[in-house]
């Protein structure tokens, strides 16, 4: 299965043209800039029109308007993951969004990430795990130690995320391929291309 991974488009999704073919497209959050409903609707209209067999997306910290959103009426090939999983062709995708209010302390974070099931092939979060494509020039780690512990335990085949602009890339560690596909820089200019991965 070919998976096209993108993240952190911050309202610039329509600048993405000529994306490569894949079986599945995954957006790992921050599809809006200011978290407005119009921004979210424009993104979903764009996503629905893309020619991929399945499209998955989660919310990032800029997408707080999605926290209590009811997304009835999405086409069958578009999947909004919010602490739930969907299995496609034997591959289980689980999405854990990053709503700011859910991360106001380590205990809350532990409770939140404990909900991730043990059997996940493709884990989609917005925040990276600690120490994995989570730093910039300032050398500060923006990833989560709690999430790193969880990923180290469940060992998904793929862990897709964004959040840390400029830490774009992929790496393999302990049987998991990690991908940060944040496409914009810290000034929200598009500067990278979606990442094509295999599972």
N, C-alpha and C. Protein backbone atom coordinates (compact mmCIF):
# COMPACT_ATOMS: atom_id res chain seq x y z
N UNK A 1 0.85 -1.19 0.00
CA UNK A 1 0.00 0.00 0.00
C UNK A 1 0.89 1.25 0.00
N UNK A 2 0.64 2.16 -0.93
CA UNK A 2 1.36 3.45 -0.97
C UNK A 2 0.55 4.49 -0.20
N UNK A 3 1.24 5.18 0.70
CA UNK A 3 0.60 6.21 1.52
C UNK A 3 1.29 7.54 1.25
N UNK A 4 0.51 8.55 0.91
CA UNK A 4 1.02 9.91 0.72
C UNK A 4 0.72 10.68 2.00
N UNK A 5 1.78 11.15 2.67
CA UNK A 5 1.65 11.81 3.97
C UNK A 5 1.93 13.30 3.84
N UNK A 6 1.01 14.11 4.39
CA UNK A 6 1.21 15.54 4.48
C UNK A 6 0.68 16.05 5.81
N UNK A 7 1.17 17.21 6.22
CA UNK A 7 0.79 17.79 7.50
C UNK A 7 1.08 19.28 7.47
N UNK A 8 0.48 20.01 8.40
CA UNK A 8 0.79 21.42 8.61
C UNK A 8 0.73 22.24 7.31
N UNK A 9 -0.36 22.11 6.60
CA UNK A 9 -0.54 22.91 5.39
C UNK A 9 -1.09 24.30 5.71
N UNK A 10 -1.72 24.46 6.86
CA UNK A 10 -2.14 25.77 7.37
C UNK A 10 -2.85 26.64 6.32
N UNK A 11 -3.83 26.05 5.66
CA UNK A 11 -4.62 26.79 4.70
C UNK A 11 -4.00 26.90 3.31
N UNK A 12 -2.82 26.34 3.12
CA UNK A 12 -2.13 26.43 1.82
C UNK A 12 -2.32 25.17 0.98
N UNK A 13 -3.31 24.34 1.35
CA UNK A 13 -3.48 23.05 0.68
C UNK A 13 -3.69 23.19 -0.83
N UNK A 14 -4.33 24.26 -1.27
CA UNK A 14 -4.60 24.41 -2.71
C UNK A 14 -3.34 24.73 -3.52
N UNK A 15 -2.25 25.01 -2.83
CA UNK A 15 -0.96 25.18 -3.52
C UNK A 15 -0.35 23.85 -3.91
N UNK A 16 -0.88 22.76 -3.36
CA UNK A 16 -0.35 21.42 -3.66
C UNK A 16 -0.98 20.91 -4.95
N UNK A 17 -0.19 20.88 -5.99
CA UNK A 17 -0.66 20.39 -7.29
C UNK A 17 0.29 19.29 -7.74
N UNK A 18 -0.20 18.46 -8.62
CA UNK A 18 0.61 17.36 -9.16
C UNK A 18 1.18 16.47 -8.07
N UNK A 19 0.37 16.15 -7.07
CA UNK A 19 0.83 15.22 -6.04
C UNK A 19 0.93 13.82 -6.63
N UNK A 20 1.90 13.02 -6.18
CA UNK A 20 2.08 11.69 -6.76
C UNK A 20 0.93 10.75 -6.45
N UNK A 21 0.73 9.75 -7.28
CA UNK A 21 -0.33 8.77 -7.00
C UNK A 21 0.00 7.94 -5.77
N UNK A 22 -1.04 7.51 -5.09
CA UNK A 22 -0.92 6.65 -3.91
C UNK A 22 -2.26 5.99 -3.69
N UNK A 23 -2.28 4.99 -2.84
CA UNK A 23 -3.54 4.34 -2.48
C UNK A 23 -4.29 5.13 -1.43
N UNK A 24 -3.54 5.73 -0.51
CA UNK A 24 -4.12 6.42 0.64
C UNK A 24 -3.40 7.75 0.83
N UNK A 25 -4.15 8.80 1.16
CA UNK A 25 -3.57 10.07 1.56
C UNK A 25 -3.87 10.28 3.04
N UNK A 26 -2.87 10.72 3.80
CA UNK A 26 -3.03 11.00 5.23
C UNK A 26 -2.57 12.42 5.51
N UNK A 27 -3.44 13.21 6.15
CA UNK A 27 -3.07 14.55 6.63
C UNK A 27 -3.06 14.50 8.14
N UNK A 28 -1.89 14.78 8.75
CA UNK A 28 -1.76 14.62 10.19
C UNK A 28 -1.92 15.93 10.97
N UNK A 29 -2.80 16.79 10.51
CA UNK A 29 -3.23 17.93 11.31
C UNK A 29 -2.65 19.28 10.95
N UNK A 30 -3.27 20.31 11.51
CA UNK A 30 -2.99 21.72 11.19
C UNK A 30 -3.26 22.01 9.72
N UNK A 31 -4.49 21.69 9.30
CA UNK A 31 -4.92 22.04 7.96
C UNK A 31 -5.46 23.46 7.91
N UNK A 32 -5.74 24.08 9.08
CA UNK A 32 -6.14 25.49 9.13
C UNK A 32 -5.01 26.30 9.74
N UNK A 33 -5.14 27.63 9.63
CA UNK A 33 -4.19 28.52 10.29
C UNK A 33 -4.80 29.08 11.56
N UNK A 34 -6.03 29.60 11.45
CA UNK A 34 -6.67 30.25 12.60
C UNK A 34 -7.78 29.40 13.21
N UNK A 35 -8.01 28.22 12.70
CA UNK A 35 -9.02 27.34 13.27
C UNK A 35 -10.44 27.74 12.95
N UNK A 36 -10.63 28.44 11.83
CA UNK A 36 -11.97 28.88 11.45
C UNK A 36 -12.75 27.81 10.71
N UNK A 37 -14.06 27.89 10.83
CA UNK A 37 -14.92 26.91 10.15
C UNK A 37 -14.80 27.00 8.63
N UNK A 38 -14.67 28.22 8.09
CA UNK A 38 -14.54 28.37 6.64
C UNK A 38 -13.26 27.73 6.14
N UNK A 39 -12.18 27.91 6.90
CA UNK A 39 -10.91 27.26 6.53
C UNK A 39 -11.06 25.75 6.51
N UNK A 40 -11.70 25.21 7.54
CA UNK A 40 -11.88 23.76 7.63
C UNK A 40 -12.74 23.23 6.50
N UNK A 41 -13.81 23.95 6.19
CA UNK A 41 -14.69 23.52 5.10
C UNK A 41 -13.96 23.55 3.76
N UNK A 42 -13.16 24.58 3.53
CA UNK A 42 -12.40 24.65 2.28
C UNK A 42 -11.43 23.48 2.17
N UNK A 43 -10.77 23.15 3.29
CA UNK A 43 -9.86 22.01 3.28
C UNK A 43 -10.62 20.72 2.98
N UNK A 44 -11.76 20.51 3.62
CA UNK A 44 -12.51 19.27 3.42
C UNK A 44 -13.04 19.16 1.99
N UNK A 45 -13.46 20.27 1.41
CA UNK A 45 -13.90 20.25 0.01
C UNK A 45 -12.75 19.85 -0.90
N UNK A 46 -11.58 20.42 -0.64
CA UNK A 46 -10.39 20.08 -1.43
C UNK A 46 -10.05 18.59 -1.26
N UNK A 47 -10.06 18.13 -0.02
CA UNK A 47 -9.72 16.74 0.27
C UNK A 47 -10.68 15.78 -0.40
N UNK A 48 -11.95 16.08 -0.33
CA UNK A 48 -12.97 15.19 -0.91
C UNK A 48 -12.78 15.03 -2.41
N UNK A 49 -12.26 16.06 -3.07
CA UNK A 49 -12.10 16.02 -4.52
C UNK A 49 -10.84 15.32 -4.99
N UNK A 50 -9.94 14.99 -4.08
CA UNK A 50 -8.68 14.36 -4.48
C UNK A 50 -8.91 12.92 -4.93
N UNK A 51 -8.13 12.45 -5.92
CA UNK A 51 -8.40 11.15 -6.54
C UNK A 51 -7.75 9.96 -5.84
N UNK A 52 -7.68 9.98 -4.51
CA UNK A 52 -7.10 8.86 -3.78
C UNK A 52 -8.22 7.93 -3.29
N UNK A 53 -7.91 6.64 -3.23
CA UNK A 53 -8.93 5.66 -2.85
C UNK A 53 -9.48 5.92 -1.45
N UNK A 54 -8.60 6.33 -0.53
CA UNK A 54 -9.00 6.68 0.83
C UNK A 54 -8.21 7.89 1.29
N UNK A 55 -8.87 8.78 2.02
CA UNK A 55 -8.23 9.97 2.57
C UNK A 55 -8.53 10.04 4.06
N UNK A 56 -7.47 10.13 4.88
CA UNK A 56 -7.58 10.23 6.33
C UNK A 56 -7.08 11.59 6.78
N UNK A 57 -7.72 12.15 7.82
CA UNK A 57 -7.17 13.37 8.41
C UNK A 57 -7.51 13.43 9.89
N UNK A 58 -6.63 14.12 10.63
CA UNK A 58 -6.85 14.38 12.05
C UNK A 58 -6.69 15.88 12.27
N UNK A 59 -7.04 16.33 13.46
CA UNK A 59 -6.90 17.75 13.82
C UNK A 59 -5.57 17.97 14.53
N UNK A 60 -4.99 19.15 14.28
CA UNK A 60 -3.79 19.57 15.00
C UNK A 60 -4.14 20.68 15.98
N UNK A 61 -3.12 21.25 16.59
CA UNK A 61 -3.37 22.29 17.60
C UNK A 61 -3.96 23.57 17.03
N UNK A 62 -3.86 23.79 15.71
CA UNK A 62 -4.51 24.94 15.09
C UNK A 62 -5.96 24.65 14.73
N UNK A 63 -6.39 23.42 14.84
CA UNK A 63 -7.72 23.00 14.38
C UNK A 63 -8.68 22.76 15.53
N UNK A 64 -8.61 23.59 16.56
CA UNK A 64 -9.46 23.38 17.74
C UNK A 64 -10.95 23.46 17.44
N UNK A 65 -11.32 24.07 16.32
CA UNK A 65 -12.74 24.11 15.94
C UNK A 65 -13.29 22.71 15.64
N UNK A 66 -12.41 21.72 15.50
CA UNK A 66 -12.84 20.36 15.22
C UNK A 66 -13.14 19.56 16.48
N UNK A 67 -12.88 20.15 17.65
CA UNK A 67 -12.97 19.38 18.90
C UNK A 67 -14.35 18.76 19.11
N UNK A 68 -15.39 19.49 18.84
CA UNK A 68 -16.75 18.95 19.01
C UNK A 68 -17.50 18.90 17.68
N UNK A 69 -16.74 18.85 16.59
CA UNK A 69 -17.36 18.90 15.25
C UNK A 69 -18.11 17.61 14.95
N UNK A 70 -19.25 17.77 14.31
CA UNK A 70 -20.01 16.63 13.81
C UNK A 70 -19.84 16.62 12.30
N UNK A 71 -19.18 15.60 11.79
CA UNK A 71 -18.83 15.58 10.37
C UNK A 71 -19.69 14.58 9.60
N UNK A 72 -20.98 14.73 9.73
CA UNK A 72 -21.89 13.87 8.98
C UNK A 72 -21.86 14.27 7.51
N UNK A 73 -21.99 13.30 6.66
CA UNK A 73 -22.09 13.58 5.24
C UNK A 73 -20.78 13.53 4.48
N UNK A 74 -19.68 13.16 5.15
CA UNK A 74 -18.43 12.99 4.41
C UNK A 74 -18.56 11.78 3.48
N UNK A 75 -17.95 11.84 2.31
CA UNK A 75 -17.98 10.67 1.42
C UNK A 75 -17.37 9.45 2.10
N UNK A 76 -17.71 8.27 1.60
CA UNK A 76 -17.23 7.03 2.20
C UNK A 76 -15.71 6.88 2.13
N UNK A 77 -15.06 7.62 1.23
CA UNK A 77 -13.61 7.48 1.08
C UNK A 77 -12.83 8.52 1.90
N UNK A 78 -13.52 9.35 2.69
CA UNK A 78 -12.88 10.37 3.52
C UNK A 78 -13.14 10.03 4.98
N UNK A 79 -12.07 9.93 5.78
CA UNK A 79 -12.17 9.45 7.15
C UNK A 79 -11.54 10.46 8.10
N UNK A 80 -12.35 11.06 8.98
CA UNK A 80 -11.83 11.92 10.04
C UNK A 80 -11.61 11.05 11.27
N UNK A 81 -10.37 10.93 11.68
CA UNK A 81 -10.04 10.11 12.84
C UNK A 81 -9.86 10.99 14.06
N UNK A 82 -10.63 10.70 15.09
CA UNK A 82 -10.57 11.44 16.34
C UNK A 82 -10.67 10.43 17.48
N UNK A 83 -9.51 9.89 17.85
CA UNK A 83 -9.43 8.85 18.87
C UNK A 83 -10.20 7.60 18.47
N UNK A 84 -10.06 7.23 17.22
CA UNK A 84 -10.69 6.01 16.73
C UNK A 84 -9.85 5.42 15.60
N UNK A 85 -10.23 4.22 15.18
CA UNK A 85 -9.47 3.54 14.13
C UNK A 85 -10.40 3.05 13.04
N UNK A 86 -9.81 2.87 11.87
CA UNK A 86 -10.49 2.29 10.71
C UNK A 86 -9.52 1.33 10.05
N UNK A 87 -10.01 0.17 9.65
CA UNK A 87 -9.17 -0.81 8.97
C UNK A 87 -9.54 -0.84 7.49
N UNK A 88 -8.51 -0.65 6.66
CA UNK A 88 -8.66 -0.65 5.20
C UNK A 88 -7.71 -1.69 4.64
N UNK A 89 -8.23 -2.65 3.87
CA UNK A 89 -7.39 -3.69 3.25
C UNK A 89 -6.46 -4.36 4.26
N UNK A 90 -6.96 -4.60 5.47
CA UNK A 90 -6.19 -5.28 6.49
C UNK A 90 -5.20 -4.39 7.25
N UNK A 91 -5.15 -3.09 6.94
CA UNK A 91 -4.25 -2.14 7.59
C UNK A 91 -5.08 -1.26 8.52
N UNK A 92 -4.75 -1.24 9.81
CA UNK A 92 -5.49 -0.45 10.79
C UNK A 92 -4.84 0.91 10.99
N UNK A 93 -5.62 1.97 10.76
CA UNK A 93 -5.20 3.35 10.94
C UNK A 93 -5.86 3.88 12.21
N UNK A 94 -5.08 4.51 13.08
CA UNK A 94 -5.63 5.13 14.29
C UNK A 94 -5.17 6.58 14.33
N UNK A 95 -6.11 7.49 14.63
CA UNK A 95 -5.79 8.91 14.68
C UNK A 95 -6.03 9.52 16.04
N UNK A 96 -5.02 10.24 16.56
CA UNK A 96 -5.11 10.94 17.84
C UNK A 96 -4.82 12.42 17.59
N UNK A 97 -5.85 13.27 17.60
CA UNK A 97 -5.65 14.69 17.33
C UNK A 97 -4.91 15.38 18.48
N UNK A 98 -4.56 16.64 18.26
CA UNK A 98 -3.86 17.41 19.30
C UNK A 98 -4.66 18.66 19.62
N UNK A 99 -5.69 18.51 20.43
CA UNK A 99 -6.44 19.66 20.90
C UNK A 99 -5.73 20.24 22.11
N UNK A 100 -5.47 21.53 22.08
CA UNK A 100 -4.63 22.16 23.11
C UNK A 100 -5.14 21.88 24.51
N UNK A 101 -6.44 21.93 24.73
CA UNK A 101 -7.00 21.74 26.06
C UNK A 101 -6.78 20.36 26.65
N UNK A 102 -6.43 19.39 25.81
CA UNK A 102 -6.23 18.02 26.29
C UNK A 102 -4.83 17.81 26.86
N UNK A 103 -3.94 18.77 26.68
CA UNK A 103 -2.54 18.57 27.04
C UNK A 103 -2.09 19.62 28.06
N UNK A 104 -2.85 19.72 29.17
CA UNK A 104 -2.52 20.73 30.17
C UNK A 104 -1.79 20.13 31.37
N UNK A 105 -1.16 18.99 31.17
CA UNK A 105 -0.40 18.35 32.25
C UNK A 105 -0.03 16.94 31.85
N UNK A 106 1.05 16.41 32.44
CA UNK A 106 1.53 15.10 32.06
C UNK A 106 0.51 14.00 32.36
N UNK A 107 -0.22 14.11 33.47
CA UNK A 107 -1.21 13.10 33.79
C UNK A 107 -2.30 13.04 32.72
N UNK A 108 -2.78 14.21 32.29
CA UNK A 108 -3.78 14.23 31.21
C UNK A 108 -3.21 13.61 29.94
N UNK A 109 -1.93 13.89 29.66
CA UNK A 109 -1.30 13.35 28.45
C UNK A 109 -1.19 11.83 28.54
N UNK A 110 -0.82 11.32 29.70
CA UNK A 110 -0.74 9.87 29.88
C UNK A 110 -2.11 9.23 29.66
N UNK A 111 -3.15 9.80 30.27
CA UNK A 111 -4.50 9.26 30.10
C UNK A 111 -4.93 9.30 28.63
N UNK A 112 -4.55 10.37 27.95
CA UNK A 112 -4.95 10.54 26.55
C UNK A 112 -4.27 9.49 25.66
N UNK A 113 -2.97 9.39 25.74
CA UNK A 113 -2.27 8.46 24.85
C UNK A 113 -2.48 7.00 25.23
N UNK A 114 -2.91 6.72 26.46
CA UNK A 114 -3.21 5.34 26.84
C UNK A 114 -4.41 4.80 26.05
N UNK A 115 -5.22 5.68 25.48
CA UNK A 115 -6.37 5.22 24.69
C UNK A 115 -5.97 4.59 23.37
N UNK A 116 -4.73 4.83 22.93
CA UNK A 116 -4.29 4.25 21.66
C UNK A 116 -4.24 2.73 21.82
N UNK A 117 -4.92 1.99 20.95
CA UNK A 117 -4.94 0.53 21.09
C UNK A 117 -3.58 -0.10 20.78
N UNK A 118 -3.40 -1.33 21.23
CA UNK A 118 -2.13 -2.02 21.04
C UNK A 118 -1.90 -2.46 19.60
N UNK A 119 -2.97 -2.74 18.88
CA UNK A 119 -2.82 -3.25 17.52
C UNK A 119 -3.17 -2.14 16.52
N UNK A 120 -2.13 -1.41 16.11
CA UNK A 120 -2.26 -0.32 15.15
C UNK A 120 -1.14 -0.48 14.13
N UNK A 121 -1.47 -0.43 12.86
CA UNK A 121 -0.44 -0.48 11.82
C UNK A 121 0.07 0.91 11.49
N UNK A 122 -0.85 1.87 11.36
CA UNK A 122 -0.49 3.25 11.02
C UNK A 122 -1.04 4.16 12.11
N UNK A 123 -0.15 4.70 12.93
CA UNK A 123 -0.52 5.64 13.98
C UNK A 123 -0.37 7.05 13.44
N UNK A 124 -1.43 7.84 13.57
CA UNK A 124 -1.43 9.23 13.09
C UNK A 124 -1.63 10.13 14.29
N UNK A 125 -0.63 10.92 14.61
CA UNK A 125 -0.74 11.93 15.66
C UNK A 125 -0.30 13.25 15.05
N UNK A 126 -0.57 14.33 15.75
CA UNK A 126 -0.03 15.60 15.25
C UNK A 126 1.35 15.85 15.85
N UNK A 127 1.47 15.63 17.13
CA UNK A 127 2.73 15.86 17.83
C UNK A 127 3.68 14.68 17.61
N UNK A 128 4.97 14.93 17.47
CA UNK A 128 5.92 13.83 17.36
C UNK A 128 6.26 13.22 18.71
N UNK A 129 6.83 12.02 18.71
CA UNK A 129 7.37 11.48 19.95
C UNK A 129 8.68 12.18 20.29
N UNK A 130 9.03 12.20 21.53
CA UNK A 130 10.23 12.88 22.00
C UNK A 130 11.48 12.33 21.31
N UNK A 131 12.29 13.24 20.77
CA UNK A 131 13.57 12.86 20.19
C UNK A 131 13.52 12.38 18.77
N UNK A 132 12.35 12.35 18.15
CA UNK A 132 12.23 11.87 16.77
C UNK A 132 11.67 12.99 15.91
N UNK A 133 12.56 13.61 15.13
CA UNK A 133 12.19 14.72 14.24
C UNK A 133 11.32 15.74 14.97
N UNK A 134 11.83 16.18 16.14
CA UNK A 134 11.05 17.10 16.97
C UNK A 134 11.86 18.33 17.40
N UNK A 135 12.98 18.61 16.71
CA UNK A 135 13.80 19.77 17.08
C UNK A 135 14.05 20.66 15.88
N UNK A 136 14.41 21.92 16.19
CA UNK A 136 14.81 22.89 15.18
C UNK A 136 16.20 23.40 15.54
N UNK A 137 16.55 24.56 15.02
CA UNK A 137 17.87 25.12 15.31
C UNK A 137 18.05 25.41 16.80
N UNK A 138 16.95 25.63 17.51
CA UNK A 138 17.05 25.93 18.94
C UNK A 138 17.39 24.70 19.79
N UNK A 139 17.38 23.51 19.17
CA UNK A 139 17.70 22.24 19.82
C UNK A 139 16.74 21.86 20.95
N UNK A 140 15.62 22.56 21.05
CA UNK A 140 14.60 22.21 22.04
C UNK A 140 13.76 21.06 21.48
N UNK A 141 13.49 20.06 22.31
CA UNK A 141 12.64 18.94 21.89
C UNK A 141 11.18 19.30 22.14
N UNK A 142 10.38 19.26 21.08
CA UNK A 142 8.96 19.58 21.18
C UNK A 142 8.08 18.33 21.20
N UNK A 143 8.70 17.16 21.15
CA UNK A 143 7.95 15.91 21.15
C UNK A 143 7.52 15.49 22.55
N UNK A 144 6.74 14.43 22.59
CA UNK A 144 6.15 13.94 23.83
C UNK A 144 6.85 12.67 24.30
N UNK A 145 7.34 12.68 25.55
CA UNK A 145 7.94 11.46 26.13
C UNK A 145 6.87 10.39 26.36
N UNK A 146 5.66 10.82 26.70
CA UNK A 146 4.56 9.87 26.92
C UNK A 146 4.23 9.15 25.61
N UNK A 147 4.19 9.90 24.52
CA UNK A 147 3.90 9.31 23.22
C UNK A 147 5.04 8.38 22.79
N UNK A 148 6.28 8.76 23.07
CA UNK A 148 7.41 7.89 22.75
C UNK A 148 7.29 6.56 23.48
N UNK A 149 6.93 6.60 24.75
CA UNK A 149 6.75 5.36 25.52
C UNK A 149 5.67 4.49 24.90
N UNK A 150 4.56 5.12 24.50
CA UNK A 150 3.45 4.36 23.92
C UNK A 150 3.85 3.73 22.58
N UNK A 151 4.51 4.51 21.73
CA UNK A 151 4.93 4.00 20.42
C UNK A 151 5.95 2.88 20.59
N UNK A 152 6.85 3.03 21.55
CA UNK A 152 7.86 2.00 21.80
C UNK A 152 7.22 0.69 22.25
N UNK A 153 6.07 0.79 22.88
CA UNK A 153 5.36 -0.40 23.36
C UNK A 153 4.55 -1.07 22.26
N UNK A 154 3.77 -0.26 21.51
CA UNK A 154 2.86 -0.87 20.53
C UNK A 154 3.53 -1.13 19.18
N UNK A 155 4.61 -0.42 18.88
CA UNK A 155 5.39 -0.62 17.66
C UNK A 155 4.54 -0.65 16.38
N UNK A 156 3.89 0.46 16.04
CA UNK A 156 3.17 0.49 14.77
C UNK A 156 4.15 0.40 13.61
N UNK A 157 3.68 -0.02 12.47
CA UNK A 157 4.56 -0.09 11.30
C UNK A 157 4.93 1.31 10.82
N UNK A 158 3.97 2.23 10.88
CA UNK A 158 4.21 3.63 10.52
C UNK A 158 3.69 4.53 11.63
N UNK A 159 4.42 5.60 11.93
CA UNK A 159 3.93 6.66 12.81
C UNK A 159 4.06 7.96 12.04
N UNK A 160 2.91 8.57 11.72
CA UNK A 160 2.85 9.77 10.90
C UNK A 160 2.47 10.96 11.77
N UNK A 161 3.20 12.08 11.64
CA UNK A 161 2.95 13.27 12.45
C UNK A 161 3.49 14.49 11.73
N UNK A 162 3.42 15.63 12.40
CA UNK A 162 3.94 16.90 11.88
C UNK A 162 4.31 17.78 13.06
N UNK A 163 3.65 18.94 13.13
CA UNK A 163 3.71 19.88 14.25
C UNK A 163 5.00 20.70 14.31
N UNK A 164 6.15 20.05 14.23
CA UNK A 164 7.42 20.78 14.32
C UNK A 164 7.87 21.11 12.90
N UNK A 165 7.55 22.34 12.48
CA UNK A 165 7.88 22.80 11.14
C UNK A 165 9.40 22.81 10.96
N UNK A 166 9.86 22.29 9.87
CA UNK A 166 11.29 22.27 9.60
C UNK A 166 11.98 21.01 10.05
N UNK A 167 11.30 20.14 10.77
CA UNK A 167 11.89 18.86 11.18
C UNK A 167 11.44 17.75 10.22
N UNK A 168 11.10 18.15 9.03
CA UNK A 168 10.62 17.28 7.96
C UNK A 168 11.60 16.13 7.71
N UNK A 169 11.06 14.94 7.52
CA UNK A 169 11.91 13.81 7.18
C UNK A 169 11.29 12.50 7.62
N UNK A 170 12.07 11.43 7.48
CA UNK A 170 11.62 10.13 7.94
C UNK A 170 12.82 9.34 8.47
N UNK A 171 12.52 8.38 9.32
CA UNK A 171 13.56 7.51 9.87
C UNK A 171 12.93 6.21 10.35
N UNK A 172 13.74 5.17 10.41
CA UNK A 172 13.32 3.87 10.93
C UNK A 172 13.97 3.65 12.28
N UNK A 173 13.17 3.14 13.24
CA UNK A 173 13.69 2.86 14.58
C UNK A 173 12.82 1.81 15.24
N UNK A 174 13.42 0.75 15.71
CA UNK A 174 12.74 -0.32 16.45
C UNK A 174 11.54 -0.89 15.69
N UNK A 175 11.70 -1.04 14.37
CA UNK A 175 10.64 -1.64 13.56
C UNK A 175 9.55 -0.70 13.11
N UNK A 176 9.66 0.57 13.44
CA UNK A 176 8.65 1.57 13.04
C UNK A 176 9.31 2.59 12.11
N UNK A 177 8.60 2.94 11.04
CA UNK A 177 9.01 4.07 10.20
C UNK A 177 8.28 5.30 10.69
N UNK A 178 9.04 6.34 11.02
CA UNK A 178 8.49 7.61 11.50
C UNK A 178 8.57 8.63 10.38
N UNK A 179 7.51 9.43 10.23
CA UNK A 179 7.48 10.44 9.18
C UNK A 179 6.92 11.75 9.72
N UNK A 180 7.72 12.81 9.61
CA UNK A 180 7.25 14.17 9.88
C UNK A 180 7.07 14.83 8.51
N UNK A 181 5.84 15.12 8.15
CA UNK A 181 5.55 15.70 6.83
C UNK A 181 4.98 17.10 6.96
N UNK A 182 5.47 17.87 7.93
CA UNK A 182 5.08 19.28 8.03
C UNK A 182 5.58 20.02 6.80
N UNK A 183 4.66 20.56 6.00
CA UNK A 183 5.02 21.10 4.68
C UNK A 183 5.35 22.59 4.68
N UNK A 184 5.03 23.29 5.76
CA UNK A 184 5.28 24.73 5.78
C UNK A 184 6.39 25.06 6.77
N UNK A 185 6.98 26.25 6.57
CA UNK A 185 7.97 26.72 7.53
C UNK A 185 7.27 27.49 8.65
N UNK A 186 8.03 28.09 9.56
CA UNK A 186 7.43 28.78 10.70
C UNK A 186 6.71 30.06 10.31
N UNK A 187 6.90 30.52 9.05
CA UNK A 187 6.13 31.67 8.57
C UNK A 187 4.96 31.21 7.71
N UNK A 188 4.70 29.91 7.74
CA UNK A 188 3.56 29.29 7.05
C UNK A 188 3.69 29.39 5.52
N UNK A 189 4.91 29.37 5.03
CA UNK A 189 5.16 29.28 3.59
C UNK A 189 5.38 27.82 3.23
N UNK A 190 4.77 27.39 2.15
CA UNK A 190 4.94 26.02 1.68
C UNK A 190 6.38 25.82 1.22
N UNK A 191 7.08 24.83 1.80
CA UNK A 191 8.48 24.65 1.43
C UNK A 191 8.88 23.18 1.24
N UNK A 192 8.00 22.23 1.52
CA UNK A 192 8.32 20.82 1.34
C UNK A 192 7.21 20.15 0.53
N UNK A 193 7.48 18.93 0.09
CA UNK A 193 6.52 18.14 -0.67
C UNK A 193 5.98 17.00 0.19
N UNK A 194 4.75 16.54 -0.08
CA UNK A 194 4.23 15.38 0.65
C UNK A 194 5.18 14.19 0.54
N UNK A 195 5.19 13.38 1.60
CA UNK A 195 6.10 12.23 1.65
C UNK A 195 5.36 10.97 1.19
N UNK A 196 5.99 10.20 0.33
CA UNK A 196 5.42 8.95 -0.17
C UNK A 196 6.06 7.80 0.59
N UNK A 197 5.21 6.98 1.23
CA UNK A 197 5.68 5.87 2.07
C UNK A 197 5.01 4.57 1.63
N UNK A 198 5.62 3.47 1.98
CA UNK A 198 5.07 2.15 1.68
C UNK A 198 4.81 1.38 2.96
N UNK A 199 3.74 0.61 2.97
CA UNK A 199 3.48 -0.28 4.08
C UNK A 199 3.04 -1.64 3.53
